[in-house]
């Protein structure tokens, strides 16, 4: 399957399906001992974290999922998510923001 085809399929996912896909992808990509867990839900305070999991070395990994297709992720929104993630407990060793937007040079 080509990268273009994969990107097209991902853009067809809704928020929940995107987070489900990320759980599988993040566990594989970071070799997590257990799948990441969801943190809060839509409309609830999440401290900039949708998914979290424990890394092999014991540190915490946080993931913010932005299933934006029609809306663009802005530098302001990204900065807010990062600032919010500083309040997540236990403290994160690694933080990832995943978006369905095309790459942007300022982000």
Foldseek 3Di string as FASTA:
>chain_A
DDPVVVLVVLLPDDPVVNVVVVQVVVCVVQVAPDTWDAADDPPDQRLLFGTKGAGPVGFIEGEHEASDDPDDDDPVNVVSSVRSLCPDPPRHPYYYYDYSDDDDPVD
